[in-house]
Amino acid sequence: MIAKTGYLLIAALQLFILSACATAEADIIGKWKLQTVIYDDGSVNDVGEGNLVIFSKNEIVEQIKGHGSRSYLYTRKGSVLVLGSDNSDLKWEIIKAEDSYMEILTPIGTYNLQRMQ
């Protein structure tokens, strides 16, 4: 009886861990306002109004004032977004993802994004 209870406890714990892992892949699809970029040296660029990052199922569009619009195809592997159709080294890593706020480490720096309603 104790062994069965132990197995049930282990199974429940595994189910809890698996469900936690499943929720770790946050929904990033939508339009996000780029608020700041933090560079490797710690400096912060408050990019101002009108800068967007738009995520669809397999494409990212950056709309940056003064630089235009850039589009990237991507695949997602957990918290890592691999940009480009080939196996390029261009990767973005989701550091923090909440319903309305997200931080993504890019080759340029860390993007601080706020979801637009």
PDB file of N, CA and C in Angstrom:
ATOM      1  N   MET A   1       0.820  -1.193   0.000  1.00  0.00           N
ATOM      2  CA  MET A   1       0.000   0.000   0.000  1.00  0.00           C
ATOM      3  C   MET A   1       0.865   1.259   0.000  1.00  0.00           C
ATOM      4  N   ILE A   2       1.923   1.247   0.833  1.00  0.00           N
ATOM      5  CA  ILE A   2       2.810   2.412   0.887  1.00  0.00           C
ATOM      6  C   ILE A   2       3.513   2.601  -0.447  1.00  0.00           C
ATOM      7  N   ALA A   3       3.893   1.493  -1.100  1.00  0.00           N
ATOM      8  CA  ALA A   3       4.562   1.580  -2.397  1.00  0.00           C
ATOM      9  C   ALA A   3       3.636   2.206  -3.438  1.00  0.00           C
ATOM     10  N   LYS A   4       2.353   1.804  -3.444  1.00  0.00           N
ATOM     11  CA  LYS A   4       1.391   2.380  -4.390  1.00  0.00           C
ATOM     12  C   LYS A   4       1.213   3.873  -4.154  1.00  0.00           C
ATOM     13  N   THR A   5       1.151   4.259  -2.890  1.00  0.00           N
ATOM     14  CA  THR A   5       1.020   5.680  -2.554  1.00  0.00           C
ATOM     15  C   THR A   5       2.250   6.450  -3.017  1.00  0.00           C
ATOM     16  N   GLY A   6       3.422   5.859  -2.858  1.00  0.00           N
ATOM     17  CA  GLY A   6       4.659   6.494  -3.319  1.00  0.00           C
ATOM     18  C   GLY A   6       4.674   6.676  -4.819  1.00  0.00           C
ATOM     19  N   TYR A   7       4.214   5.638  -5.548  1.00  0.00           N
ATOM     20  CA  TYR A   7       4.156   5.735  -7.005  1.00  0.00           C
ATOM     21  C   TYR A   7       3.164   6.812  -7.451  1.00  0.00           C
ATOM     22  N   LEU A   8       2.034   6.876  -6.762  1.00  0.00           N
ATOM     23  CA  LEU A   8       1.051   7.906  -7.094  1.00  0.00           C
ATOM     24  C   LEU A   8       1.600   9.302  -6.825  1.00  0.00           C
ATOM     25  N   LEU A   9       2.327   9.444  -5.733  1.00  0.00           N
ATOM     26  CA  LEU A   9       2.934  10.732  -5.406  1.00  0.00           C
ATOM     27  C   LEU A   9       3.966  11.127  -6.458  1.00  0.00           C
ATOM     28  N   ILE A  10       4.780  10.190  -6.882  1.00  0.00           N
ATOM     29  CA  ILE A  10       5.779  10.465  -7.927  1.00  0.00           C
ATOM     30  C   ILE A  10       5.092  10.821  -9.238  1.00  0.00           C
ATOM     31  N   ALA A  11       4.037  10.098  -9.599  1.00  0.00           N
ATOM     32  CA  ALA A  11       3.307  10.389 -10.836  1.00  0.00           C
ATOM     33  C   ALA A  11       2.690  11.783 -10.789  1.00  0.00           C
ATOM     34  N   ALA A  12       2.121  12.139  -9.643  1.00  0.00           N
ATOM     35  CA  ALA A  12       1.530  13.473  -9.503  1.00  0.00           C
ATOM     36  C   ALA A  12       2.587  14.559  -9.604  1.00  0.00           C
ATOM     37  N   LEU A  13       3.737  14.313  -9.008  1.00  0.00           N
ATOM     38  CA  LEU A  13       4.828  15.277  -9.076  1.00  0.00           C
ATOM     39  C   LEU A  13       5.324  15.441 -10.506  1.00  0.00           C
ATOM     40  N   GLN A  14       5.453  14.339 -11.237  1.00  0.00           N
ATOM     41  CA  GLN A  14       5.880  14.424 -12.639  1.00  0.00           C
ATOM     42  C   GLN A  14       4.866  15.190 -13.474  1.00  0.00           C
ATOM     43  N   LEU A  15       3.590  14.952 -13.243  1.00  0.00           N
ATOM     44  CA  LEU A  15       2.546  15.674 -13.962  1.00  0.00           C
ATOM     45  C   LEU A  15       2.624  17.168 -13.675  1.00  0.00           C
ATOM     46  N   PHE A  16       2.858  17.534 -12.420  1.00  0.00           N
ATOM     47  CA  PHE A  16       3.012  18.940 -12.040  1.00  0.00           C
ATOM     48  C   PHE A  16       4.198  19.569 -12.756  1.00  0.00           C
ATOM     49  N   ILE A  17       5.327  18.872 -12.795  1.00  0.00           N
ATOM     50  CA  ILE A  17       6.533  19.389 -13.456  1.00  0.00           C
ATOM     51  C   ILE A  17       6.291  19.547 -14.949  1.00  0.00           C
ATOM     52  N   LEU A  18       5.657  18.574 -15.589  1.00  0.00           N
ATOM     53  CA  LEU A  18       5.380  18.662 -17.019  1.00  0.00           C
ATOM     54  C   LEU A  18       4.446  19.818 -17.332  1.00  0.00           C
ATOM     55  N   SER A  19       3.440  20.039 -16.497  1.00  0.00           N
ATOM     56  CA  SER A  19       2.532  21.154 -16.747  1.00  0.00           C
ATOM     57  C   SER A  19       3.246  22.489 -16.566  1.00  0.00           C
ATOM     58  N   ALA A  20       4.179  22.569 -15.630  1.00  0.00           N
ATOM     59  CA  ALA A  20       4.960  23.800 -15.442  1.00  0.00           C
ATOM     60  C   ALA A  20       5.834  24.061 -16.656  1.00  0.00           C
ATOM     61  N   CYS A  21       6.412  23.015 -17.226  1.00  0.00           N
ATOM     62  CA  CYS A  21       7.243  23.170 -18.420  1.00  0.00           C
ATOM     63  C   CYS A  21       6.403  23.618 -19.605  1.00  0.00           C
ATOM     64  N   ALA A  22       5.185  23.116 -19.716  1.00  0.00           N
ATOM     65  CA  ALA A  22       4.319  23.482 -20.828  1.00  0.00           C
ATOM     66  C   ALA A  22       3.941  24.953 -20.764  1.00  0.00           C
ATOM     67  N   THR A  23       3.741  25.503 -19.578  1.00  0.00           N
ATOM     68  CA  THR A  23       3.369  26.905 -19.464  1.00  0.00           C
ATOM     69  C   THR A  23       4.571  27.821 -19.647  1.00  0.00           C
ATOM     70  N   ALA A  24       5.786  27.268 -19.631  1.00  0.00           N
ATOM     71  CA  ALA A  24       6.972  28.091 -19.793  1.00  0.00           C
ATOM     72  C   ALA A  24       7.056  28.684 -21.191  1.00  0.00           C
ATOM     73  N   GLU A  25       6.391  28.061 -22.167  1.00  0.00           N
ATOM     74  CA  GLU A  25       6.414  28.592 -23.522  1.00  0.00           C
ATOM     75  C   GLU A  25       5.259  29.580 -23.664  1.00  0.00           C
ATOM     76  N   ALA A  26       5.512  30.792 -23.265  1.00  0.00           N
ATOM     77  CA  ALA A  26       4.498  31.842 -23.216  1.00  0.00           C
ATOM     78  C   ALA A  26       4.033  32.228 -24.617  1.00  0.00           C
ATOM     79  N   ASP A  27       2.833  32.757 -24.680  1.00  0.00           N
ATOM     80  CA  ASP A  27       2.264  33.249 -25.928  1.00  0.00           C
ATOM     81  C   ASP A  27       2.869  34.612 -26.249  1.00  0.00           C
ATOM     82  N   ILE A  28       3.649  34.673 -27.296  1.00  0.00           N
ATOM     83  CA  ILE A  28       4.291  35.928 -27.681  1.00  0.00           C
ATOM     84  C   ILE A  28       3.646  36.546 -28.912  1.00  0.00           C
ATOM     85  N   ILE A  29       2.704  35.839 -29.530  1.00  0.00           N
ATOM     86  CA  ILE A  29       2.072  36.300 -30.759  1.00  0.00           C
ATOM     87  C   ILE A  29       1.338  37.612 -30.491  1.00  0.00           C
ATOM     88  N   GLY A  30       1.580  38.591 -31.359  1.00  0.00           N
ATOM     89  CA  GLY A  30       0.909  39.871 -31.242  1.00  0.00           C
ATOM     90  C   GLY A  30       1.850  41.030 -31.500  1.00  0.00           C
ATOM     91  N   LYS A  31       1.341  42.212 -31.230  1.00  0.00           N
ATOM     92  CA  LYS A  31       2.071  43.456 -31.470  1.00  0.00           C
ATOM     93  C   LYS A  31       2.632  43.967 -30.152  1.00  0.00           C
ATOM     94  N   TRP A  32       3.937  44.250 -30.136  1.00  0.00           N
ATOM     95  CA  TRP A  32       4.630  44.693 -28.926  1.00  0.00           C
ATOM     96  C   TRP A  32       5.316  46.027 -29.183  1.00  0.00           C
ATOM     97  N   LYS A  33       5.209  46.932 -28.227  1.00  0.00           N
ATOM     98  CA  LYS A  33       5.895  48.226 -28.291  1.00  0.00           C
ATOM     99  C   LYS A  33       7.303  48.042 -27.739  1.00  0.00           C
ATOM    100  N   LEU A  34       8.298  48.430 -28.523  1.00  0.00           N
ATOM    101  CA  LEU A  34       9.685  48.399 -28.059  1.00  0.00           C
ATOM    102  C   LEU A  34       9.906  49.639 -27.203  1.00  0.00           C
ATOM    103  N   GLN A  35      10.158  49.420 -25.902  1.00  0.00           N
ATOM    104  CA  GLN A  35      10.317  50.537 -24.977  1.00  0.00           C
ATOM    105  C   GLN A  35      11.780  50.955 -24.847  1.00  0.00           C
ATOM    106  N   THR A  36      12.641  50.001 -24.563  1.00  0.00           N
ATOM    107  CA  THR A  36      14.066  50.290 -24.402  1.00  0.00           C
ATOM    108  C   THR A  36      14.894  49.135 -24.944  1.00  0.00           C
ATOM    109  N   VAL A  37      16.142  49.457 -25.223  1.00  0.00           N
ATOM    110  CA  VAL A  37      17.140  48.444 -25.562  1.00  0.00           C
ATOM    111  C   VAL A  37      18.287  48.633 -24.575  1.00  0.00           C
ATOM    112  N   ILE A  38      18.667  47.564 -23.890  1.00  0.00           N
ATOM    113  CA  ILE A  38      19.795  47.609 -22.959  1.00  0.00           C
ATOM    114  C   ILE A  38      20.967  46.900 -23.623  1.00  0.00           C
ATOM    115  N   TYR A  39      22.070  47.621 -23.787  1.00  0.00           N
ATOM    116  CA  TYR A  39      23.235  47.077 -24.480  1.00  0.00           C
ATOM    117  C   TYR A  39      24.147  46.321 -23.510  1.00  0.00           C
ATOM    118  N   ASP A  40      25.085  45.556 -24.075  1.00  0.00           N
ATOM    119  CA  ASP A  40      26.003  44.744 -23.267  1.00  0.00           C
ATOM    120  C   ASP A  40      26.780  45.561 -22.250  1.00  0.00           C
ATOM    121  N   ASP A  41      27.082  46.818 -22.579  1.00  0.00           N
ATOM    122  CA  ASP A  41      27.856  47.657 -21.654  1.00  0.00           C
ATOM    123  C   ASP A  41      26.994  48.269 -20.544  1.00  0.00           C
ATOM    124  N   GLY A  42      25.679  47.936 -20.548  1.00  0.00           N
ATOM    125  CA  GLY A  42      24.775  48.440 -19.515  1.00  0.00           C
ATOM    126  C   GLY A  42      24.062  49.724 -19.881  1.00  0.00           C
ATOM    127  N   SER A  43      24.450  50.349 -20.973  1.00  0.00           N
ATOM    128  CA  SER A  43      23.779  51.585 -21.372  1.00  0.00           C
ATOM    129  C   SER A  43      22.373  51.261 -21.887  1.00  0.00           C
ATOM    130  N   VAL A  44      21.486  52.243 -21.741  1.00  0.00           N
ATOM    131  CA  VAL A  44      20.076  52.057 -22.083  1.00  0.00           C
ATOM    132  C   VAL A  44      19.672  53.056 -23.157  1.00  0.00           C
ATOM    133  N   ASN A  45      18.992  52.563 -24.182  1.00  0.00           N
ATOM    134  CA  ASN A  45      18.455  53.409 -25.232  1.00  0.00           C
ATOM    135  C   ASN A  45      16.942  53.418 -25.091  1.00  0.00           C
ATOM    136  N   ASP A  46      16.396  54.566 -24.651  1.00  0.00           N
ATOM    137  CA  ASP A  46      14.945  54.739 -24.588  1.00  0.00           C
ATOM    138  C   ASP A  46      14.519  55.109 -26.001  1.00  0.00           C
ATOM    139  N   VAL A  47      14.003  54.146 -26.742  1.00  0.00           N
ATOM    140  CA  VAL A  47      13.809  54.320 -28.184  1.00  0.00           C
ATOM    141  C   VAL A  47      12.651  55.226 -28.562  1.00  0.00           C
ATOM    142  N   GLY A  48      11.786  55.577 -27.621  1.00  0.00           N
ATOM    143  CA  GLY A  48      10.701  56.497 -27.918  1.00  0.00           C
ATOM    144  C   GLY A  48       9.500  55.813 -28.548  1.00  0.00           C
ATOM    145  N   GLU A  49       8.568  56.622 -29.009  1.00  0.00           N
ATOM    146  CA  GLU A  49       7.299  56.126 -29.554  1.00  0.00           C
ATOM    147  C   GLU A  49       7.451  55.634 -30.988  1.00  0.00           C
ATOM    148  N   GLY A  50       6.541  54.763 -31.379  1.00  0.00           N
ATOM    149  CA  GLY A  50       6.444  54.336 -32.765  1.00  0.00           C
ATOM    150  C   GLY A  50       7.326  53.181 -33.166  1.00  0.00           C
ATOM    151  N   ASN A  51       7.962  52.504 -32.229  1.00  0.00           N
ATOM    152  CA  ASN A  51       8.816  51.361 -32.542  1.00  0.00           C
ATOM    153  C   ASN A  51       8.122  50.089 -32.088  1.00  0.00           C
ATOM    154  N   LEU A  52       7.951  49.162 -33.025  1.00  0.00           N
ATOM    155  CA  LEU A  52       7.176  47.961 -32.763  1.00  0.00           C
ATOM    156  C   LEU A  52       7.947  46.705 -33.127  1.00  0.00           C
ATOM    157  N   VAL A  53       7.598  45.620 -32.443  1.00  0.00           N
ATOM    158  CA  VAL A  53       8.027  44.286 -32.827  1.00  0.00           C
ATOM    159  C   VAL A  53       6.754  43.454 -32.877  1.00  0.00           C
ATOM    160  N   ILE A  54       6.479  42.872 -34.040  1.00  0.00           N
ATOM    161  CA  ILE A  54       5.246  42.121 -34.254  1.00  0.00           C
ATOM    162  C   ILE A  54       5.604  40.653 -34.462  1.00  0.00           C
ATOM    163  N   PHE A  55       5.026  39.799 -33.626  1.00  0.00           N
ATOM    164  CA  PHE A  55       5.271  38.360 -33.709  1.00  0.00           C
ATOM    165  C   PHE A  55       4.040  37.670 -34.281  1.00  0.00           C
ATOM    166  N   SER A  56       4.221  36.906 -35.348  1.00  0.00           N
ATOM    167  CA  SER A  56       3.170  36.010 -35.822  1.00  0.00           C
ATOM    168  C   SER A  56       3.668  34.589 -35.575  1.00  0.00           C
ATOM    169  N   LYS A  57       2.981  33.620 -36.096  1.00  0.00           N
ATOM    170  CA  LYS A  57       3.338  32.226 -35.821  1.00  0.00           C
ATOM    171  C   LYS A  57       4.749  31.875 -36.282  1.00  0.00           C
ATOM    172  N   ASN A  58       5.182  32.432 -37.423  1.00  0.00           N
ATOM    173  CA  ASN A  58       6.507  32.079 -37.937  1.00  0.00           C
ATOM    174  C   ASN A  58       7.280  33.269 -38.503  1.00  0.00           C
ATOM    175  N   GLU A  59       6.844  34.483 -38.164  1.00  0.00           N
ATOM    176  CA  GLU A  59       7.523  35.676 -38.675  1.00  0.00           C
ATOM    177  C   GLU A  59       7.591  36.750 -37.594  1.00  0.00           C
ATOM    178  N   ILE A  60       8.717  37.469 -37.595  1.00  0.00           N
ATOM    179  CA  ILE A  60       8.902  38.626 -36.725  1.00  0.00           C
ATOM    180  C   ILE A  60       9.085  39.832 -37.628  1.00  0.00           C
ATOM    181  N   VAL A  61       8.371  40.914 -37.343  1.00  0.00           N
ATOM    182  CA  VAL A  61       8.533  42.163 -38.080  1.00  0.00           C
ATOM    183  C   VAL A  61       8.952  43.231 -37.074  1.00  0.00           C
ATOM    184  N   GLU A  62      10.103  43.858 -37.331  1.00  0.00           N
ATOM    185  CA  GLU A  62      10.559  44.993 -36.522  1.00  0.00           C
ATOM    186  C   GLU A  62      10.266  46.262 -37.302  1.00  0.00           C
ATOM    187  N   GLN A  63       9.550  47.188 -36.697  1.00  0.00           N
ATOM    188  CA  GLN A  63       9.291  48.497 -37.299  1.00  0.00           C
ATOM    189  C   GLN A  63       9.980  49.533 -36.422  1.00  0.00           C
ATOM    190  N   ILE A  64      11.133  49.995 -36.876  1.00  0.00           N
ATOM    191  CA  ILE A  64      11.967  50.900 -36.087  1.00  0.00           C
ATOM    192  C   ILE A  64      12.072  52.240 -36.818  1.00  0.00           C
ATOM    193  N   LYS A  65      11.675  53.319 -36.112  1.00  0.00           N
ATOM    194  CA  LYS A  65      11.759  54.653 -36.716  1.00  0.00           C
ATOM    195  C   LYS A  65      13.196  54.945 -37.125  1.00  0.00           C
ATOM    196  N   GLY A  66      13.351  55.452 -38.330  1.00  0.00           N
ATOM    197  CA  GLY A  66      14.669  55.799 -38.841  1.00  0.00           C
ATOM    198  C   GLY A  66      15.403  54.632 -39.485  1.00  0.00           C
ATOM    199  N   HIS A  67      14.894  53.421 -39.287  1.00  0.00           N
ATOM    200  CA  HIS A  67      15.531  52.238 -39.874  1.00  0.00           C
ATOM    201  C   HIS A  67      14.581  51.434 -40.748  1.00  0.00           C
ATOM    202  N   GLY A  68      13.305  51.754 -40.720  1.00  0.00           N
ATOM    203  CA  GLY A  68      12.330  51.062 -41.550  1.00  0.00           C
ATOM    204  C   GLY A  68      11.818  49.787 -40.922  1.00  0.00           C
ATOM    205  N   SER A  69      11.333  48.921 -41.781  1.00  0.00           N
ATOM    206  CA  SER A  69      10.720  47.681 -41.352  1.00  0.00           C
ATOM    207  C   SER A  69      11.560  46.502 -41.832  1.00  0.00           C
ATOM    208  N   ARG A  70      11.834  45.571 -40.925  1.00  0.00           N
ATOM    209  CA  ARG A  70      12.577  44.353 -41.263  1.00  0.00           C
ATOM    210  C   ARG A  70      11.750  43.145 -40.858  1.00  0.00           C
ATOM    211  N   SER A  71      11.795  42.120 -41.690  1.00  0.00           N
ATOM    212  CA  SER A  71      11.007  40.931 -41.446  1.00  0.00           C
ATOM    213  C   SER A  71      11.914  39.710 -41.404  1.00  0.00           C
ATOM    214  N   TYR A  72      11.659  38.820 -40.452  1.00  0.00           N
ATOM    215  CA  TYR A  72      12.463  37.602 -40.293  1.00  0.00           C
ATOM    216  C   TYR A  72      11.540  36.406 -40.115  1.00  0.00           C
ATOM    217  N   LEU A  73      11.805  35.337 -40.825  1.00  0.00           N
ATOM    218  CA  LEU A  73      11.155  34.072 -40.524  1.00  0.00           C
ATOM    219  C   LEU A  73      11.854  33.491 -39.309  1.00  0.00           C
ATOM    220  N   TYR A  74      11.121  32.772 -38.471  1.00  0.00           N
ATOM    221  CA  TYR A  74      11.758  32.186 -37.283  1.00  0.00           C
ATOM    222  C   TYR A  74      11.105  30.870 -36.919  1.00  0.00           C
ATOM    223  N   THR A  75      11.851  30.081 -36.172  1.00  0.00           N
ATOM    224  CA  THR A  75      11.315  28.894 -35.524  1.00  0.00           C
ATOM    225  C   THR A  75      11.575  29.052 -34.038  1.00  0.00           C
ATOM    226  N   ARG A  76      10.741  28.417 -33.259  1.00  0.00           N
ATOM    227  CA  ARG A  76      10.877  28.544 -31.809  1.00  0.00           C
ATOM    228  C   ARG A  76      11.227  27.194 -31.201  1.00  0.00           C
ATOM    229  N   LYS A  77      12.251  27.224 -30.361  1.00  0.00           N
ATOM    230  CA  LYS A  77      12.670  26.040 -29.620  1.00  0.00           C
ATOM    231  C   LYS A  77      12.698  26.419 -28.148  1.00  0.00           C
ATOM    232  N   GLY A  78      11.558  26.257 -27.475  1.00  0.00           N
ATOM    233  CA  GLY A  78      11.445  26.667 -26.075  1.00  0.00           C
ATOM    234  C   GLY A  78      11.504  28.174 -25.959  1.00  0.00           C
ATOM    235  N   SER A  79      12.519  28.675 -25.278  1.00  0.00           N
ATOM    236  CA  SER A  79      12.661  30.119 -25.102  1.00  0.00           C
ATOM    237  C   SER A  79      13.582  30.747 -26.143  1.00  0.00           C
ATOM    238  N   VAL A  80      14.046  29.958 -27.119  1.00  0.00           N
ATOM    239  CA  VAL A  80      14.964  30.472 -28.136  1.00  0.00           C
ATOM    240  C   VAL A  80      14.245  30.584 -29.476  1.00  0.00           C
ATOM    241  N   LEU A  81      14.366  31.764 -30.082  1.00  0.00           N
ATOM    242  CA  LEU A  81      13.835  32.006 -31.421  1.00  0.00           C
ATOM    243  C   LEU A  81      15.011  31.992 -32.383  1.00  0.00           C
ATOM    244  N   VAL A  82      14.973  31.103 -33.372  1.00  0.00           N
ATOM    245  CA  VAL A  82      16.043  31.005 -34.366  1.00  0.00           C
ATOM    246  C   VAL A  82      15.548  31.719 -35.614  1.00  0.00           C
ATOM    247  N   LEU A  83      16.202  32.837 -35.947  1.00  0.00           N
ATOM    248  CA  LEU A  83      15.774  33.661 -37.069  1.00  0.00           C
ATOM    249  C   LEU A  83      16.452  33.221 -38.352  1.00  0.00           C
ATOM    250  N   GLY A  84      15.702  33.259 -39.436  1.00  0.00           N
ATOM    251  CA  GLY A  84      16.239  32.892 -40.743  1.00  0.00           C
ATOM    252  C   GLY A  84      15.752  31.525 -41.163  1.00  0.00           C
ATOM    253  N   SER A  85      15.716  31.316 -42.468  1.00  0.00           N
ATOM    254  CA  SER A  85      15.219  30.043 -42.974  1.00  0.00           C
ATOM    255  C   SER A  85      16.294  28.964 -42.966  1.00  0.00           C
ATOM    256  N   ASP A  86      17.551  29.366 -42.949  1.00  0.00           N
ATOM    257  CA  ASP A  86      18.619  28.378 -42.832  1.00  0.00           C
ATOM    258  C   ASP A  86      18.997  28.232 -41.357  1.00  0.00           C
ATOM    259  N   ASN A  87      19.934  27.415 -41.052  1.00  0.00           N
ATOM    260  CA  ASN A  87      20.344  27.221 -39.653  1.00  0.00           C
ATOM    261  C   ASN A  87      21.374  28.275 -39.255  1.00  0.00           C
ATOM    262  N   SER A  88      20.995  29.514 -39.405  1.00  0.00           N
ATOM    263  CA  SER A  88      21.899  30.610 -39.078  1.00  0.00           C
ATOM    264  C   SER A  88      22.097  30.703 -37.570  1.00  0.00           C
ATOM    265  N   ASP A  89      23.086  31.480 -37.180  1.00  0.00           N
ATOM    266  CA  ASP A  89      23.388  31.654 -35.769  1.00  0.00           C
ATOM    267  C   ASP A  89      22.619  32.807 -35.153  1.00  0.00           C
ATOM    268  N   LEU A  90      21.729  33.424 -35.892  1.00  0.00           N
ATOM    269  CA  LEU A  90      20.972  34.559 -35.386  1.00  0.00           C
ATOM    270  C   LEU A  90      19.857  34.054 -34.483  1.00  0.00           C
ATOM    271  N   LYS A  91      20.035  34.280 -33.177  1.00  0.00           N
ATOM    272  CA  LYS A  91      19.076  33.780 -32.193  1.00  0.00           C
ATOM    273  C   LYS A  91      18.648  34.901 -31.262  1.00  0.00           C
ATOM    274  N   TRP A  92      17.396  34.851 -30.881  1.00  0.00           N
ATOM    275  CA  TRP A  92      16.852  35.705 -29.852  1.00  0.00           C
ATOM    276  C   TRP A  92      16.420  34.786 -28.719  1.00  0.00           C
ATOM    277  N   GLU A  93      16.693  35.195 -27.476  1.00  0.00           N
ATOM    278  CA  GLU A  93      16.304  34.372 -26.337  1.00  0.00           C
ATOM    279  C   GLU A  93      15.318  35.121 -25.460  1.00  0.00           C
ATOM    280  N   ILE A  94      14.192  34.499 -25.202  1.00  0.00           N
ATOM    281  CA  ILE A  94      13.183  35.093 -24.319  1.00  0.00           C
ATOM    282  C   ILE A  94      13.671  34.938 -22.885  1.00  0.00           C
ATOM    283  N   ILE A  95      13.956  36.057 -22.248  1.00  0.00           N
ATOM    284  CA  ILE A  95      14.441  36.054 -20.871  1.00  0.00           C
ATOM    285  C   ILE A  95      13.269  36.050 -19.894  1.00  0.00           C
ATOM    286  N   LYS A  96      12.268  36.866 -20.213  1.00  0.00           N
ATOM    287  CA  LYS A  96      11.097  37.006 -19.344  1.00  0.00           C
ATOM    288  C   LYS A  96       9.890  37.215 -20.235  1.00  0.00           C
ATOM    289  N   ALA A  97       8.822  36.485 -19.961  1.00  0.00           N
ATOM    290  CA  ALA A  97       7.606  36.639 -20.756  1.00  0.00           C
ATOM    291  C   ALA A  97       6.396  36.589 -19.843  1.00  0.00           C
ATOM    292  N   GLU A  98       5.677  37.684 -19.819  1.00  0.00           N
ATOM    293  CA  GLU A  98       4.426  37.784 -19.071  1.00  0.00           C
ATOM    294  C   GLU A  98       3.343  38.174 -20.058  1.00  0.00           C
ATOM    295  N   ASP A  99       2.107  38.280 -19.605  1.00  0.00           N
ATOM    296  CA  ASP A  99       1.008  38.633 -20.508  1.00  0.00           C
ATOM    297  C   ASP A  99       1.236  39.959 -21.217  1.00  0.00           C
ATOM    298  N   SER A 100       1.761  40.951 -20.492  1.00  0.00           N
ATOM    299  CA  SER A 100       1.880  42.282 -21.073  1.00  0.00           C
ATOM    300  C   SER A 100       3.313  42.812 -21.143  1.00  0.00           C
ATOM    301  N   TYR A 101       4.300  42.023 -20.730  1.00  0.00           N
ATOM    302  CA  TYR A 101       5.684  42.495 -20.721  1.00  0.00           C
ATOM    303  C   TYR A 101       6.606  41.346 -21.124  1.00  0.00           C
ATOM    304  N   MET A 102       7.646  41.681 -21.897  1.00  0.00           N
ATOM    305  CA  MET A 102       8.582  40.655 -22.320  1.00  0.00           C
ATOM    306  C   MET A 102       9.977  41.264 -22.470  1.00  0.00           C
ATOM    307  N   GLU A 103      10.993  40.465 -22.117  1.00  0.00           N
ATOM    308  CA  GLU A 103      12.396  40.823 -22.342  1.00  0.00           C
ATOM    309  C   GLU A 103      13.003  39.761 -23.250  1.00  0.00           C
ATOM    310  N   ILE A 104      13.650  40.223 -24.310  1.00  0.00           N
ATOM    311  CA  ILE A 104      14.273  39.303 -25.261  1.00  0.00           C
ATOM    312  C   ILE A 104      15.712  39.741 -25.483  1.00  0.00           C
ATOM    313  N   LEU A 105      16.626  38.799 -25.312  1.00  0.00           N
ATOM    314  CA  LEU A 105      18.041  39.041 -25.578  1.00  0.00           C
ATOM    315  C   LEU A 105      18.279  38.834 -27.069  1.00  0.00           C
ATOM    316  N   THR A 106      18.709  39.898 -27.748  1.00  0.00           N
ATOM    317  CA  THR A 106      18.997  39.852 -29.182  1.00  0.00           C
ATOM    318  C   THR A 106      20.479  40.158 -29.383  1.00  0.00           C
ATOM    319  N   PRO A 107      20.999  39.942 -30.581  1.00  0.00           N
ATOM    320  CA  PRO A 107      22.398  40.312 -30.838  1.00  0.00           C
ATOM    321  C   PRO A 107      22.671  41.801 -30.628  1.00  0.00           C
ATOM    322  N   ILE A 108      21.639  42.637 -30.753  1.00  0.00           N
ATOM    323  CA  ILE A 108      21.802  44.087 -30.565  1.00  0.00           C
ATOM    324  C   ILE A 108      21.860  44.431 -29.086  1.00  0.00           C
ATOM    325  N   GLY A 109      21.038  43.778 -28.284  1.00  0.00           N
ATOM    326  CA  GLY A 109      20.915  44.030 -26.857  1.00  0.00           C
ATOM    327  C   GLY A 109      19.620  43.433 -26.361  1.00  0.00           C
ATOM    328  N   THR A 110      19.245  43.743 -25.149  1.00  0.00           N
ATOM    329  CA  THR A 110      18.007  43.218 -24.577  1.00  0.00           C
ATOM    330  C   THR A 110      16.860  44.153 -24.890  1.00  0.00           C
ATOM    331  N   TYR A 111      15.867  43.627 -25.595  1.00  0.00           N
ATOM    332  CA  TYR A 111      14.664  44.383 -25.913  1.00  0.00           C
ATOM    333  C   TYR A 111      13.705  44.276 -24.747  1.00  0.00           C
ATOM    334  N   ASN A 112      13.191  45.429 -24.286  1.00  0.00           N
ATOM    335  CA  ASN A 112      12.123  45.472 -23.301  1.00  0.00           C
ATOM    336  C   ASN A 112      10.858  45.844 -24.061  1.00  0.00           C
ATOM    337  N   LEU A 113       9.896  44.935 -24.047  1.00  0.00           N
ATOM    338  CA  LEU A 113       8.690  45.079 -24.868  1.00  0.00           C
ATOM    339  C   LEU A 113       7.437  45.094 -24.007  1.00  0.00           C
ATOM    340  N   GLN A 114       6.460  45.893 -24.428  1.00  0.00           N
ATOM    341  CA  GLN A 114       5.164  45.923 -23.764  1.00  0.00           C
ATOM    342  C   GLN A 114       4.101  45.594 -24.797  1.00  0.00           C
ATOM    343  N   ARG A 115       3.241  44.615 -24.458  1.00  0.00           N
ATOM    344  CA  ARG A 115       2.199  44.208 -25.391  1.00  0.00           C
ATOM    345  C   ARG A 115       1.237  45.354 -25.622  1.00  0.00           C
ATOM    346  N   MET A 116       0.847  45.541 -26.874  1.00  0.00           N
ATOM    347  CA  MET A 116      -0.137  46.565 -27.222  1.00  0.00           C
ATOM    348  C   MET A 116      -1.521  45.946 -27.193  1.00  0.00           C
ATOM    349  N   GLN A 117      -2.496  46.694 -26.737  1.00  0.00           N
ATOM    350  CA  GLN A 117      -3.873  46.180 -26.615  1.00  0.00           C
ATOM    351  C   GLN A 117      -4.630  46.362 -27.882  1.00  0.00           C
TER     352      GLN A 117
END
